[in-house]
């Protein structure tokens, strides 16, 4: 019996942490359309899967336990800190919460939520005026809210990689890309040449930081 196995089976923490991040995402993204709810739902499924393994049942550790035990016999992978697999398997024995992957993870998660919030404010104002959203985060990428969700998920993957979330991540990214293309067709039908000009100078997901952004009139 591992002494720290009790670090798992904490289903109250699974529920609390999942709700906290889903509610945060809801408050920042403020879904209105079916597409918005679909993107939030996909993100929510990712979060629940993550925290289920982080505090509930460490499926990835169980499935890889034979290989992990043979490769790293000195490490108790059922100790909770050992769930930070990137730091542990690379031989960084310091507190993983202060390791480079965890620090980068926090930056991506925090930055993703900030991007969601700023993008929504611009979009809400533009929709109220029946205008195209092209300022703020929308001056750098055409789909900042989807980029925000992807950054948050990537941050969680760096912090606590699991087999399920590693499989889910590319699937969800593809889903967001498809939602973005569908959204673009609808906006193009509404704003026609104005959106075509905006799309020609503004990347979809990866900003060109050196480029000068012009605001539409």
N, C-alpha and C. Protein backbone atom coordinates (compact mmCIF):
# COMPACT_ATOMS: atom_id res chain seq x y z
N UNK A 1 0.85 -1.19 0.00
CA UNK A 1 0.00 0.00 0.00
C UNK A 1 0.88 1.23 0.00
N UNK A 2 0.59 2.18 -0.90
CA UNK A 2 1.36 3.41 -0.95
C UNK A 2 0.79 4.39 0.07
N UNK A 3 1.69 5.06 0.76
CA UNK A 3 1.25 5.94 1.84
C UNK A 3 0.40 7.09 1.33
N UNK A 4 0.71 7.58 0.10
CA UNK A 4 0.04 8.78 -0.37
C UNK A 4 -1.07 8.47 -1.37
N UNK A 5 -1.48 7.20 -1.42
CA UNK A 5 -2.58 6.86 -2.32
C UNK A 5 -3.83 7.66 -1.96
N UNK A 6 -3.96 8.08 -0.70
CA UNK A 6 -5.10 8.86 -0.25
C UNK A 6 -5.15 10.23 -0.91
N UNK A 7 -4.05 10.60 -1.61
CA UNK A 7 -4.08 11.85 -2.36
C UNK A 7 -5.09 11.77 -3.49
N UNK A 8 -5.51 10.58 -3.85
CA UNK A 8 -6.55 10.39 -4.86
C UNK A 8 -7.85 9.94 -4.19
N UNK A 9 -8.88 9.83 -4.97
CA UNK A 9 -10.18 9.51 -4.41
C UNK A 9 -10.85 10.70 -3.75
N UNK A 10 -10.32 11.90 -4.03
CA UNK A 10 -10.87 13.13 -3.44
C UNK A 10 -11.88 13.73 -4.42
N UNK A 11 -13.04 13.10 -4.50
CA UNK A 11 -14.02 13.49 -5.51
C UNK A 11 -14.62 14.86 -5.24
N UNK A 12 -14.61 15.29 -4.00
CA UNK A 12 -15.09 16.64 -3.71
C UNK A 12 -14.18 17.67 -4.37
N UNK A 13 -12.86 17.41 -4.40
CA UNK A 13 -11.93 18.32 -5.07
C UNK A 13 -12.11 18.27 -6.58
N UNK A 14 -12.45 17.10 -7.10
CA UNK A 14 -12.73 16.99 -8.53
C UNK A 14 -13.90 17.91 -8.89
N UNK A 15 -14.96 17.83 -8.11
CA UNK A 15 -16.16 18.63 -8.38
C UNK A 15 -15.88 20.11 -8.19
N UNK A 16 -15.25 20.47 -7.07
CA UNK A 16 -15.00 21.88 -6.77
C UNK A 16 -14.10 22.52 -7.82
N UNK A 17 -12.97 21.87 -8.13
CA UNK A 17 -12.04 22.44 -9.10
C UNK A 17 -12.66 22.51 -10.50
N UNK A 18 -13.39 21.48 -10.88
CA UNK A 18 -14.04 21.50 -12.19
C UNK A 18 -15.02 22.66 -12.28
N UNK A 19 -15.84 22.82 -11.24
CA UNK A 19 -16.83 23.90 -11.24
C UNK A 19 -16.17 25.27 -11.26
N UNK A 20 -15.09 25.42 -10.50
CA UNK A 20 -14.40 26.71 -10.45
C UNK A 20 -13.94 27.13 -11.84
N UNK A 21 -13.27 26.22 -12.55
CA UNK A 21 -12.72 26.58 -13.86
C UNK A 21 -13.81 26.68 -14.92
N UNK A 22 -14.84 25.85 -14.82
CA UNK A 22 -15.94 25.95 -15.79
C UNK A 22 -16.70 27.25 -15.59
N UNK A 23 -16.96 27.61 -14.34
CA UNK A 23 -17.65 28.86 -14.05
C UNK A 23 -16.80 30.05 -14.48
N UNK A 24 -15.49 29.97 -14.24
CA UNK A 24 -14.59 31.02 -14.70
C UNK A 24 -14.69 31.17 -16.21
N UNK A 25 -14.61 30.05 -16.91
CA UNK A 25 -14.69 30.09 -18.37
C UNK A 25 -16.03 30.65 -18.83
N UNK A 26 -17.11 30.24 -18.15
CA UNK A 26 -18.44 30.74 -18.48
C UNK A 26 -18.52 32.26 -18.30
N UNK A 27 -17.97 32.75 -17.19
CA UNK A 27 -18.04 34.18 -16.91
C UNK A 27 -17.21 35.00 -17.87
N UNK A 28 -16.11 34.41 -18.36
CA UNK A 28 -15.25 35.13 -19.29
C UNK A 28 -15.77 35.03 -20.73
N UNK A 29 -16.25 33.85 -21.12
CA UNK A 29 -16.67 33.62 -22.50
C UNK A 29 -18.10 34.08 -22.76
N UNK A 30 -18.95 34.02 -21.71
CA UNK A 30 -20.35 34.45 -21.80
C UNK A 30 -21.05 33.88 -23.04
N UNK A 31 -21.23 32.56 -23.09
CA UNK A 31 -21.82 31.94 -24.29
C UNK A 31 -23.25 32.40 -24.54
N UNK A 32 -23.55 32.62 -25.81
CA UNK A 32 -24.89 33.03 -26.20
C UNK A 32 -25.48 32.12 -27.28
N UNK A 33 -24.66 31.81 -28.28
CA UNK A 33 -25.15 30.99 -29.38
C UNK A 33 -24.89 29.51 -29.09
N UNK A 34 -25.50 28.66 -29.93
CA UNK A 34 -25.26 27.21 -29.81
C UNK A 34 -23.79 26.90 -29.98
N UNK A 35 -23.13 27.61 -30.89
CA UNK A 35 -21.70 27.42 -31.12
C UNK A 35 -20.89 27.77 -29.87
N UNK A 36 -21.28 28.86 -29.20
CA UNK A 36 -20.59 29.26 -27.97
C UNK A 36 -20.73 28.17 -26.90
N UNK A 37 -21.92 27.64 -26.76
CA UNK A 37 -22.15 26.61 -25.75
C UNK A 37 -21.39 25.33 -26.11
N UNK A 38 -21.27 25.05 -27.39
CA UNK A 38 -20.54 23.85 -27.80
C UNK A 38 -19.06 23.98 -27.45
N UNK A 39 -18.49 25.16 -27.69
CA UNK A 39 -17.08 25.36 -27.37
C UNK A 39 -16.85 25.30 -25.87
N UNK A 40 -17.76 25.87 -25.09
CA UNK A 40 -17.64 25.81 -23.64
C UNK A 40 -17.84 24.38 -23.14
N UNK A 41 -18.76 23.64 -23.75
CA UNK A 41 -18.99 22.26 -23.34
C UNK A 41 -17.78 21.39 -23.59
N UNK A 42 -17.12 21.58 -24.72
CA UNK A 42 -15.91 20.81 -25.02
C UNK A 42 -14.82 21.11 -24.01
N UNK A 43 -14.66 22.39 -23.70
CA UNK A 43 -13.66 22.79 -22.70
C UNK A 43 -14.01 22.18 -21.34
N UNK A 44 -15.28 22.18 -20.98
CA UNK A 44 -15.72 21.63 -19.70
C UNK A 44 -15.40 20.14 -19.60
N UNK A 45 -15.61 19.40 -20.70
CA UNK A 45 -15.30 17.97 -20.70
C UNK A 45 -13.81 17.75 -20.47
N UNK A 46 -12.98 18.59 -21.07
CA UNK A 46 -11.54 18.49 -20.89
C UNK A 46 -11.17 18.73 -19.42
N UNK A 47 -11.76 19.75 -18.82
CA UNK A 47 -11.46 20.09 -17.43
C UNK A 47 -11.88 18.98 -16.48
N UNK A 48 -13.07 18.42 -16.69
CA UNK A 48 -13.54 17.34 -15.83
C UNK A 48 -12.62 16.12 -15.94
N UNK A 49 -12.23 15.78 -17.17
CA UNK A 49 -11.31 14.65 -17.36
C UNK A 49 -9.98 14.89 -16.66
N UNK A 50 -9.50 16.12 -16.74
CA UNK A 50 -8.23 16.46 -16.10
C UNK A 50 -8.29 16.30 -14.59
N UNK A 51 -9.28 16.94 -13.97
CA UNK A 51 -9.35 16.91 -12.51
C UNK A 51 -9.76 15.55 -11.97
N UNK A 52 -10.45 14.76 -12.79
CA UNK A 52 -10.77 13.40 -12.37
C UNK A 52 -9.48 12.61 -12.14
N UNK A 53 -8.52 12.79 -13.04
CA UNK A 53 -7.24 12.08 -12.87
C UNK A 53 -6.35 12.77 -11.84
N UNK A 54 -6.48 14.06 -11.69
CA UNK A 54 -5.62 14.78 -10.77
C UNK A 54 -5.98 14.48 -9.32
N UNK A 55 -7.27 14.34 -9.03
CA UNK A 55 -7.69 14.14 -7.64
C UNK A 55 -8.57 12.91 -7.42
N UNK A 56 -9.14 12.38 -8.49
CA UNK A 56 -10.07 11.26 -8.32
C UNK A 56 -9.41 9.91 -8.52
N UNK A 57 -9.24 9.52 -9.77
CA UNK A 57 -8.67 8.21 -10.09
C UNK A 57 -7.54 8.40 -11.10
N UNK A 58 -6.28 8.12 -10.73
CA UNK A 58 -5.14 8.38 -11.62
C UNK A 58 -5.00 7.30 -12.70
N UNK A 59 -5.89 7.32 -13.66
CA UNK A 59 -5.93 6.29 -14.69
C UNK A 59 -4.60 6.19 -15.44
N UNK A 60 -4.04 7.34 -15.80
CA UNK A 60 -2.78 7.33 -16.55
C UNK A 60 -1.67 6.66 -15.76
N UNK A 61 -1.59 6.96 -14.47
CA UNK A 61 -0.56 6.35 -13.61
C UNK A 61 -0.75 4.84 -13.56
N UNK A 62 -1.99 4.38 -13.42
CA UNK A 62 -2.25 2.94 -13.38
C UNK A 62 -1.87 2.27 -14.70
N UNK A 63 -2.24 2.87 -15.80
CA UNK A 63 -1.96 2.26 -17.10
C UNK A 63 -0.46 2.23 -17.41
N UNK A 64 0.26 3.23 -16.94
CA UNK A 64 1.70 3.31 -17.20
C UNK A 64 2.54 2.85 -16.03
N UNK A 65 1.90 2.31 -14.99
CA UNK A 65 2.62 1.99 -13.76
C UNK A 65 3.78 1.02 -13.98
N UNK A 66 3.58 0.00 -14.83
CA UNK A 66 4.64 -0.96 -15.08
C UNK A 66 5.86 -0.32 -15.70
N UNK A 67 5.63 0.48 -16.75
CA UNK A 67 6.74 1.15 -17.42
C UNK A 67 7.39 2.19 -16.50
N UNK A 68 6.59 2.95 -15.79
CA UNK A 68 7.12 3.99 -14.90
C UNK A 68 7.96 3.37 -13.78
N UNK A 69 7.45 2.28 -13.19
CA UNK A 69 8.18 1.63 -12.10
C UNK A 69 9.50 1.06 -12.57
N UNK A 70 9.54 0.52 -13.80
CA UNK A 70 10.77 -0.03 -14.33
C UNK A 70 11.76 1.07 -14.71
N UNK A 71 11.24 2.16 -15.23
CA UNK A 71 12.10 3.25 -15.69
C UNK A 71 12.58 4.13 -14.55
N UNK A 72 11.70 4.34 -13.55
CA UNK A 72 12.03 5.22 -12.42
C UNK A 72 11.71 4.49 -11.11
N UNK A 73 12.48 3.47 -10.74
CA UNK A 73 12.15 2.64 -9.57
C UNK A 73 12.20 3.40 -8.25
N UNK A 74 12.89 4.52 -8.23
CA UNK A 74 13.04 5.26 -6.97
C UNK A 74 11.87 6.20 -6.70
N UNK A 75 10.93 6.31 -7.63
CA UNK A 75 9.84 7.28 -7.50
C UNK A 75 8.53 6.57 -7.19
N UNK A 76 7.81 7.08 -6.20
CA UNK A 76 6.47 6.58 -5.90
C UNK A 76 5.48 7.38 -6.74
N UNK A 77 5.04 6.80 -7.84
CA UNK A 77 4.17 7.53 -8.74
C UNK A 77 2.74 7.65 -8.22
N UNK A 78 2.44 7.02 -7.12
CA UNK A 78 1.13 7.21 -6.51
C UNK A 78 1.14 8.32 -5.47
N UNK A 79 2.32 8.93 -5.25
CA UNK A 79 2.38 10.17 -4.48
C UNK A 79 1.85 11.28 -5.39
N UNK A 80 1.10 12.18 -4.84
CA UNK A 80 0.38 13.13 -5.67
C UNK A 80 1.31 14.01 -6.51
N UNK A 81 2.41 14.48 -5.94
CA UNK A 81 3.31 15.35 -6.69
C UNK A 81 3.90 14.65 -7.90
N UNK A 82 3.95 13.33 -7.86
CA UNK A 82 4.52 12.58 -8.99
C UNK A 82 3.60 12.60 -10.20
N UNK A 83 2.38 13.06 -10.02
CA UNK A 83 1.48 13.21 -11.16
C UNK A 83 1.93 14.28 -12.13
N UNK A 84 2.84 15.15 -11.69
CA UNK A 84 3.44 16.14 -12.60
C UNK A 84 4.51 15.40 -13.42
N UNK A 85 4.05 14.61 -14.37
CA UNK A 85 4.91 13.64 -15.05
C UNK A 85 6.07 14.28 -15.81
N UNK A 86 5.87 15.46 -16.37
CA UNK A 86 6.94 16.07 -17.15
C UNK A 86 8.15 16.38 -16.27
N UNK A 87 7.91 17.04 -15.13
CA UNK A 87 9.03 17.35 -14.24
C UNK A 87 9.68 16.08 -13.70
N UNK A 88 8.85 15.13 -13.28
CA UNK A 88 9.37 13.93 -12.63
C UNK A 88 10.19 13.08 -13.59
N UNK A 89 9.66 12.83 -14.78
CA UNK A 89 10.36 11.96 -15.72
C UNK A 89 11.61 12.61 -16.30
N UNK A 90 11.69 13.95 -16.24
CA UNK A 90 12.89 14.63 -16.71
C UNK A 90 13.95 14.75 -15.61
N UNK A 91 13.61 14.25 -14.42
CA UNK A 91 14.61 14.21 -13.36
C UNK A 91 14.67 15.44 -12.48
N UNK A 92 13.66 16.31 -12.56
CA UNK A 92 13.65 17.49 -11.70
C UNK A 92 12.97 17.13 -10.40
N UNK A 93 13.75 17.01 -9.35
CA UNK A 93 13.25 16.50 -8.08
C UNK A 93 12.78 17.60 -7.13
N UNK A 94 12.86 18.85 -7.56
CA UNK A 94 12.38 19.94 -6.71
C UNK A 94 10.86 19.91 -6.69
N UNK A 95 10.28 20.76 -5.86
CA UNK A 95 8.83 20.87 -5.79
C UNK A 95 8.28 21.18 -7.18
N UNK A 96 7.47 20.30 -7.76
CA UNK A 96 7.00 20.52 -9.15
C UNK A 96 6.16 21.77 -9.32
N UNK A 97 5.58 22.26 -8.22
CA UNK A 97 4.76 23.47 -8.33
C UNK A 97 5.59 24.70 -8.66
N UNK A 98 6.91 24.59 -8.49
CA UNK A 98 7.80 25.70 -8.82
C UNK A 98 8.69 25.35 -10.01
N UNK A 99 8.41 24.24 -10.66
CA UNK A 99 9.17 23.83 -11.83
C UNK A 99 8.80 24.65 -13.04
N UNK A 100 9.62 24.61 -14.08
CA UNK A 100 9.38 25.43 -15.28
C UNK A 100 8.08 25.09 -16.00
N UNK A 101 7.71 23.81 -16.04
CA UNK A 101 6.46 23.44 -16.72
C UNK A 101 5.25 23.98 -15.98
N UNK A 102 5.31 23.93 -14.65
CA UNK A 102 4.18 24.42 -13.86
C UNK A 102 4.07 25.94 -13.97
N UNK A 103 5.21 26.63 -13.96
CA UNK A 103 5.20 28.08 -14.09
C UNK A 103 4.66 28.48 -15.46
N UNK A 104 5.15 27.82 -16.52
CA UNK A 104 4.64 28.10 -17.86
C UNK A 104 3.16 27.76 -17.97
N UNK A 105 2.76 26.68 -17.31
CA UNK A 105 1.35 26.28 -17.30
C UNK A 105 0.48 27.39 -16.72
N UNK A 106 0.89 27.93 -15.57
CA UNK A 106 0.11 29.00 -14.94
C UNK A 106 0.03 30.23 -15.83
N UNK A 107 1.11 30.54 -16.52
CA UNK A 107 1.12 31.69 -17.42
C UNK A 107 0.13 31.48 -18.57
N UNK A 108 0.12 30.28 -19.14
CA UNK A 108 -0.80 29.99 -20.25
C UNK A 108 -2.25 30.02 -19.79
N UNK A 109 -2.52 29.43 -18.63
CA UNK A 109 -3.90 29.40 -18.12
C UNK A 109 -4.39 30.81 -17.81
N UNK A 110 -3.57 31.57 -17.10
CA UNK A 110 -3.94 32.94 -16.74
C UNK A 110 -4.10 33.79 -18.00
N UNK A 111 -3.13 33.66 -18.93
CA UNK A 111 -3.21 34.43 -20.17
C UNK A 111 -4.43 34.06 -20.99
N UNK A 112 -4.79 32.78 -20.99
CA UNK A 112 -5.97 32.34 -21.73
C UNK A 112 -7.25 32.96 -21.20
N UNK A 113 -7.37 33.01 -19.88
CA UNK A 113 -8.57 33.62 -19.30
C UNK A 113 -8.60 35.13 -19.56
N UNK A 114 -7.45 35.78 -19.50
CA UNK A 114 -7.39 37.21 -19.81
C UNK A 114 -7.81 37.45 -21.25
N UNK A 115 -7.33 36.60 -22.16
CA UNK A 115 -7.69 36.73 -23.56
C UNK A 115 -9.19 36.53 -23.78
N UNK A 116 -9.77 35.54 -23.09
CA UNK A 116 -11.21 35.32 -23.19
C UNK A 116 -11.99 36.56 -22.76
N UNK A 117 -11.58 37.14 -21.63
CA UNK A 117 -12.29 38.30 -21.09
C UNK A 117 -12.18 39.50 -22.01
N UNK A 118 -10.96 39.80 -22.46
CA UNK A 118 -10.76 40.98 -23.31
C UNK A 118 -11.48 40.82 -24.65
N UNK A 119 -11.44 39.59 -25.19
CA UNK A 119 -12.11 39.35 -26.47
C UNK A 119 -13.62 39.52 -26.35
N UNK A 120 -14.18 39.02 -25.24
CA UNK A 120 -15.62 39.14 -25.08
C UNK A 120 -16.05 40.60 -24.98
N UNK A 121 -15.29 41.43 -24.27
CA UNK A 121 -15.65 42.83 -24.13
C UNK A 121 -15.70 43.52 -25.49
N UNK A 122 -14.72 43.23 -26.34
CA UNK A 122 -14.70 43.82 -27.68
C UNK A 122 -15.87 43.30 -28.51
N UNK A 123 -16.11 41.99 -28.45
CA UNK A 123 -17.19 41.40 -29.23
C UNK A 123 -18.55 41.91 -28.79
N UNK A 124 -18.75 42.02 -27.48
CA UNK A 124 -20.04 42.50 -26.95
C UNK A 124 -20.32 43.93 -27.41
N UNK A 125 -19.30 44.77 -27.35
CA UNK A 125 -19.47 46.15 -27.79
C UNK A 125 -19.76 46.22 -29.28
N UNK A 126 -19.06 45.42 -30.06
CA UNK A 126 -19.26 45.43 -31.52
C UNK A 126 -20.65 44.92 -31.88
N UNK A 127 -21.10 43.86 -31.20
CA UNK A 127 -22.43 43.33 -31.48
C UNK A 127 -23.52 44.34 -31.13
N UNK A 128 -23.31 45.09 -30.06
CA UNK A 128 -24.29 46.10 -29.66
C UNK A 128 -24.43 47.20 -30.70
N UNK A 129 -23.33 47.48 -31.42
CA UNK A 129 -23.35 48.51 -32.46
C UNK A 129 -23.52 47.92 -33.85
N UNK A 130 -23.74 46.60 -33.89
CA UNK A 130 -23.85 45.87 -35.16
C UNK A 130 -22.67 46.18 -36.06
N UNK A 131 -21.47 46.06 -35.48
CA UNK A 131 -20.23 46.29 -36.22
C UNK A 131 -19.37 45.03 -36.16
N UNK A 132 -18.37 44.99 -37.00
CA UNK A 132 -17.40 43.92 -36.99
C UNK A 132 -16.39 44.16 -35.87
N UNK A 133 -16.10 43.12 -35.09
CA UNK A 133 -15.11 43.23 -34.00
C UNK A 133 -13.72 43.16 -34.60
N UNK A 134 -12.98 44.27 -34.54
CA UNK A 134 -11.63 44.31 -35.13
C UNK A 134 -10.60 44.96 -34.21
N UNK A 135 -11.00 45.36 -33.02
CA UNK A 135 -10.09 46.04 -32.12
C UNK A 135 -9.65 45.10 -31.00
N UNK A 136 -8.76 45.58 -30.14
CA UNK A 136 -8.30 44.76 -29.02
C UNK A 136 -7.66 43.48 -29.52
N UNK A 137 -8.04 42.36 -28.90
CA UNK A 137 -7.48 41.07 -29.30
C UNK A 137 -7.84 40.73 -30.74
N UNK A 138 -8.98 41.22 -31.22
CA UNK A 138 -9.40 40.94 -32.59
C UNK A 138 -8.54 41.66 -33.62
N UNK A 139 -7.70 42.59 -33.19
CA UNK A 139 -6.77 43.23 -34.11
C UNK A 139 -5.56 42.35 -34.40
N UNK A 140 -5.38 41.30 -33.61
CA UNK A 140 -4.22 40.41 -33.77
C UNK A 140 -4.59 39.05 -34.32
N UNK A 141 -5.75 38.53 -33.91
CA UNK A 141 -6.24 37.26 -34.45
C UNK A 141 -7.75 37.36 -34.62
N UNK A 142 -8.27 36.58 -35.56
CA UNK A 142 -9.70 36.65 -35.85
C UNK A 142 -10.54 35.86 -34.85
N UNK A 143 -9.91 34.93 -34.13
CA UNK A 143 -10.67 34.08 -33.21
C UNK A 143 -10.00 34.02 -31.82
N UNK A 144 -9.90 35.14 -31.14
CA UNK A 144 -9.19 35.16 -29.86
C UNK A 144 -9.83 34.30 -28.78
N UNK A 145 -11.15 34.13 -28.82
CA UNK A 145 -11.79 33.33 -27.78
C UNK A 145 -11.42 31.85 -27.92
N UNK A 146 -11.37 31.36 -29.15
CA UNK A 146 -10.94 29.98 -29.35
C UNK A 146 -9.47 29.81 -28.97
N UNK A 147 -8.66 30.80 -29.31
CA UNK A 147 -7.25 30.77 -28.92
C UNK A 147 -7.12 30.73 -27.40
N UNK A 148 -7.98 31.49 -26.71
CA UNK A 148 -7.96 31.49 -25.25
C UNK A 148 -8.24 30.11 -24.67
N UNK A 149 -9.27 29.43 -25.18
CA UNK A 149 -9.58 28.07 -24.71
C UNK A 149 -8.40 27.12 -24.97
N UNK A 150 -7.78 27.24 -26.14
CA UNK A 150 -6.66 26.35 -26.48
C UNK A 150 -5.48 26.61 -25.57
N UNK A 151 -5.19 27.88 -25.26
CA UNK A 151 -4.09 28.20 -24.36
C UNK A 151 -4.31 27.62 -22.97
N UNK A 152 -5.54 27.71 -22.48
CA UNK A 152 -5.84 27.17 -21.15
C UNK A 152 -5.66 25.66 -21.13
N UNK A 153 -6.17 24.98 -22.15
CA UNK A 153 -6.02 23.53 -22.20
C UNK A 153 -4.55 23.12 -22.32
N UNK A 154 -3.79 23.86 -23.13
CA UNK A 154 -2.36 23.57 -23.26
C UNK A 154 -1.64 23.76 -21.93
N UNK A 155 -2.05 24.81 -21.19
CA UNK A 155 -1.47 25.03 -19.88
C UNK A 155 -1.73 23.87 -18.93
N UNK A 156 -2.95 23.37 -18.93
CA UNK A 156 -3.28 22.22 -18.09
C UNK A 156 -2.49 20.98 -18.50
N UNK A 157 -2.27 20.80 -19.79
CA UNK A 157 -1.51 19.65 -20.26
C UNK A 157 -0.06 19.70 -19.77
N UNK A 158 0.53 20.89 -19.77
CA UNK A 158 1.90 21.02 -19.28
C UNK A 158 1.98 20.75 -17.78
N UNK A 159 0.92 21.12 -17.07
CA UNK A 159 0.92 20.95 -15.62
C UNK A 159 0.66 19.51 -15.20
N UNK A 160 -0.29 18.87 -15.86
CA UNK A 160 -0.70 17.52 -15.43
C UNK A 160 -1.12 16.71 -16.65
N UNK A 161 -0.18 16.21 -17.45
CA UNK A 161 -0.53 15.46 -18.65
C UNK A 161 -1.17 14.12 -18.32
N UNK A 162 -2.23 13.78 -19.01
CA UNK A 162 -2.87 12.47 -18.87
C UNK A 162 -3.13 11.90 -20.26
N UNK A 163 -3.31 10.60 -20.34
CA UNK A 163 -3.57 9.97 -21.63
C UNK A 163 -4.86 10.48 -22.25
N UNK A 164 -5.89 10.64 -21.41
CA UNK A 164 -7.19 11.07 -21.93
C UNK A 164 -7.13 12.49 -22.46
N UNK A 165 -6.54 13.41 -21.69
CA UNK A 165 -6.49 14.80 -22.14
C UNK A 165 -5.53 14.97 -23.31
N UNK A 166 -4.50 14.14 -23.40
CA UNK A 166 -3.61 14.19 -24.56
C UNK A 166 -4.35 13.78 -25.84
N UNK A 167 -5.27 12.84 -25.70
CA UNK A 167 -6.09 12.44 -26.85
C UNK A 167 -7.14 13.50 -27.15
N UNK A 168 -7.73 14.06 -26.10
CA UNK A 168 -8.78 15.05 -26.27
C UNK A 168 -8.27 16.34 -26.89
N UNK A 169 -7.05 16.75 -26.54
CA UNK A 169 -6.57 18.06 -26.94
C UNK A 169 -6.59 18.28 -28.45
N UNK A 170 -5.95 17.42 -29.26
CA UNK A 170 -6.00 17.68 -30.71
C UNK A 170 -7.40 17.59 -31.28
N UNK A 171 -8.24 16.74 -30.70
CA UNK A 171 -9.62 16.63 -31.17
C UNK A 171 -10.36 17.94 -30.92
N UNK A 172 -10.17 18.51 -29.73
CA UNK A 172 -10.85 19.77 -29.39
C UNK A 172 -10.29 20.93 -30.20
N UNK A 173 -8.98 20.92 -30.44
CA UNK A 173 -8.40 21.97 -31.28
C UNK A 173 -9.02 21.92 -32.68
N UNK A 174 -9.15 20.72 -33.24
CA UNK A 174 -9.78 20.56 -34.54
C UNK A 174 -11.23 21.04 -34.51
N UNK A 175 -11.93 20.75 -33.42
CA UNK A 175 -13.31 21.19 -33.29
C UNK A 175 -13.40 22.72 -33.28
N UNK A 176 -12.47 23.37 -32.55
CA UNK A 176 -12.46 24.83 -32.50
C UNK A 176 -12.15 25.42 -33.87
N UNK A 177 -11.24 24.80 -34.60
CA UNK A 177 -10.91 25.28 -35.94
C UNK A 177 -12.14 25.18 -36.85
N UNK A 178 -12.86 24.08 -36.77
CA UNK A 178 -14.06 23.93 -37.59
C UNK A 178 -15.14 24.93 -37.19
N UNK A 179 -15.31 25.15 -35.89
CA UNK A 179 -16.27 26.15 -35.43
C UNK A 179 -15.89 27.54 -35.94
N UNK A 180 -14.59 27.81 -35.94
CA UNK A 180 -14.12 29.11 -36.42
C UNK A 180 -14.43 29.28 -37.91
N UNK A 181 -14.20 28.24 -38.71
CA UNK A 181 -14.50 28.33 -40.15
C UNK A 181 -16.00 28.53 -40.38
N UNK A 182 -16.81 27.84 -39.59
CA UNK A 182 -18.26 28.00 -39.74
C UNK A 182 -18.68 29.43 -39.35
N UNK A 183 -18.08 29.93 -38.30
CA UNK A 183 -18.36 31.30 -37.86
C UNK A 183 -17.96 32.30 -38.93
N UNK A 184 -16.82 32.06 -39.57
CA UNK A 184 -16.34 32.99 -40.60
C UNK A 184 -17.30 33.04 -41.79
N UNK A 185 -17.84 31.90 -42.17
CA UNK A 185 -18.79 31.90 -43.29
C UNK A 185 -20.02 32.74 -42.96
N UNK A 186 -20.48 32.65 -41.71
CA UNK A 186 -21.65 33.43 -41.31
C UNK A 186 -21.35 34.93 -41.28
N UNK A 187 -20.18 35.27 -40.73
CA UNK A 187 -19.82 36.69 -40.64
C UNK A 187 -19.56 37.26 -42.04
N UNK A 188 -18.93 36.46 -42.89
CA UNK A 188 -18.67 36.91 -44.26
C UNK A 188 -19.98 37.19 -45.00
N UNK A 189 -20.98 36.36 -44.76
CA UNK A 189 -22.28 36.58 -45.40
C UNK A 189 -22.92 37.88 -44.91
N UNK A 190 -22.61 38.26 -43.67
CA UNK A 190 -23.23 39.47 -43.10
C UNK A 190 -22.45 40.73 -43.43
N UNK A 191 -21.11 40.66 -43.36
CA UNK A 191 -20.29 41.87 -43.53
C UNK A 191 -19.54 41.92 -44.86
N UNK A 192 -19.61 40.86 -45.64
CA UNK A 192 -19.10 40.82 -47.01
C UNK A 192 -17.68 41.37 -47.13
N UNK A 193 -17.50 42.42 -47.95
CA UNK A 193 -16.16 42.90 -48.25
C UNK A 193 -15.43 43.44 -47.03
N UNK A 194 -16.14 43.98 -46.08
CA UNK A 194 -15.49 44.50 -44.87
C UNK A 194 -14.78 43.37 -44.13
N UNK A 195 -15.46 42.23 -44.01
CA UNK A 195 -14.82 41.09 -43.34
C UNK A 195 -13.71 40.50 -44.20
N UNK A 196 -13.89 40.49 -45.50
CA UNK A 196 -12.85 39.96 -46.39
C UNK A 196 -11.57 40.77 -46.24
N UNK A 197 -11.68 42.09 -46.14
CA UNK A 197 -10.49 42.93 -45.95
C UNK A 197 -9.87 42.67 -44.59
N UNK A 198 -10.70 42.53 -43.58
CA UNK A 198 -10.21 42.25 -42.22
C UNK A 198 -9.48 40.90 -42.18
N UNK A 199 -10.07 39.88 -42.80
CA UNK A 199 -9.46 38.55 -42.81
C UNK A 199 -8.16 38.53 -43.59
N UNK A 200 -8.05 39.38 -44.61
CA UNK A 200 -6.85 39.41 -45.43
C UNK A 200 -5.65 39.95 -44.66
N UNK A 201 -5.89 40.81 -43.68
CA UNK A 201 -4.77 41.41 -42.95
C UNK A 201 -4.60 40.83 -41.55
N UNK A 202 -5.55 40.00 -41.09
CA UNK A 202 -5.50 39.51 -39.71
C UNK A 202 -5.48 37.98 -39.71
N UNK A 203 -4.46 37.36 -39.11
CA UNK A 203 -4.39 35.89 -39.06
C UNK A 203 -5.55 35.31 -38.25
N UNK A 204 -5.83 34.04 -38.49
CA UNK A 204 -6.94 33.39 -37.79
C UNK A 204 -6.59 33.07 -36.34
N UNK A 205 -5.42 32.45 -36.12
CA UNK A 205 -5.09 31.96 -34.78
C UNK A 205 -3.71 32.39 -34.28
N UNK A 206 -2.76 32.59 -35.19
CA UNK A 206 -1.39 32.92 -34.78
C UNK A 206 -1.08 34.36 -35.15
N UNK A 207 -0.93 35.23 -34.16
CA UNK A 207 -0.71 36.65 -34.47
C UNK A 207 0.63 36.92 -35.11
N UNK A 208 0.64 37.92 -35.99
CA UNK A 208 1.90 38.43 -36.54
C UNK A 208 2.26 39.65 -35.71
N UNK A 209 3.07 39.44 -34.69
CA UNK A 209 3.32 40.49 -33.71
C UNK A 209 4.01 41.71 -34.33
N UNK A 210 4.79 41.51 -35.39
CA UNK A 210 5.53 42.62 -35.96
C UNK A 210 4.69 43.49 -36.90
N UNK A 211 3.54 42.96 -37.25
CA UNK A 211 2.70 43.69 -38.21
C UNK A 211 1.95 44.81 -37.52
N UNK A 212 1.73 45.89 -38.22
CA UNK A 212 0.97 47.02 -37.71
C UNK A 212 -0.50 46.78 -38.01
N UNK A 213 -1.30 46.92 -36.96
CA UNK A 213 -2.73 46.66 -37.13
C UNK A 213 -3.48 47.96 -37.37
N UNK A 214 -4.29 47.95 -38.41
CA UNK A 214 -5.14 49.10 -38.71
C UNK A 214 -6.55 48.78 -38.25
N UNK A 215 -7.16 49.71 -37.60
CA UNK A 215 -8.54 49.54 -37.15
C UNK A 215 -9.48 49.88 -38.30
N UNK A 216 -10.60 49.17 -38.41
CA UNK A 216 -11.60 49.52 -39.41
C UNK A 216 -12.37 50.73 -38.91
N UNK A 217 -12.84 51.50 -39.86
CA UNK A 217 -13.58 52.71 -39.51
C UNK A 217 -14.99 52.37 -39.04
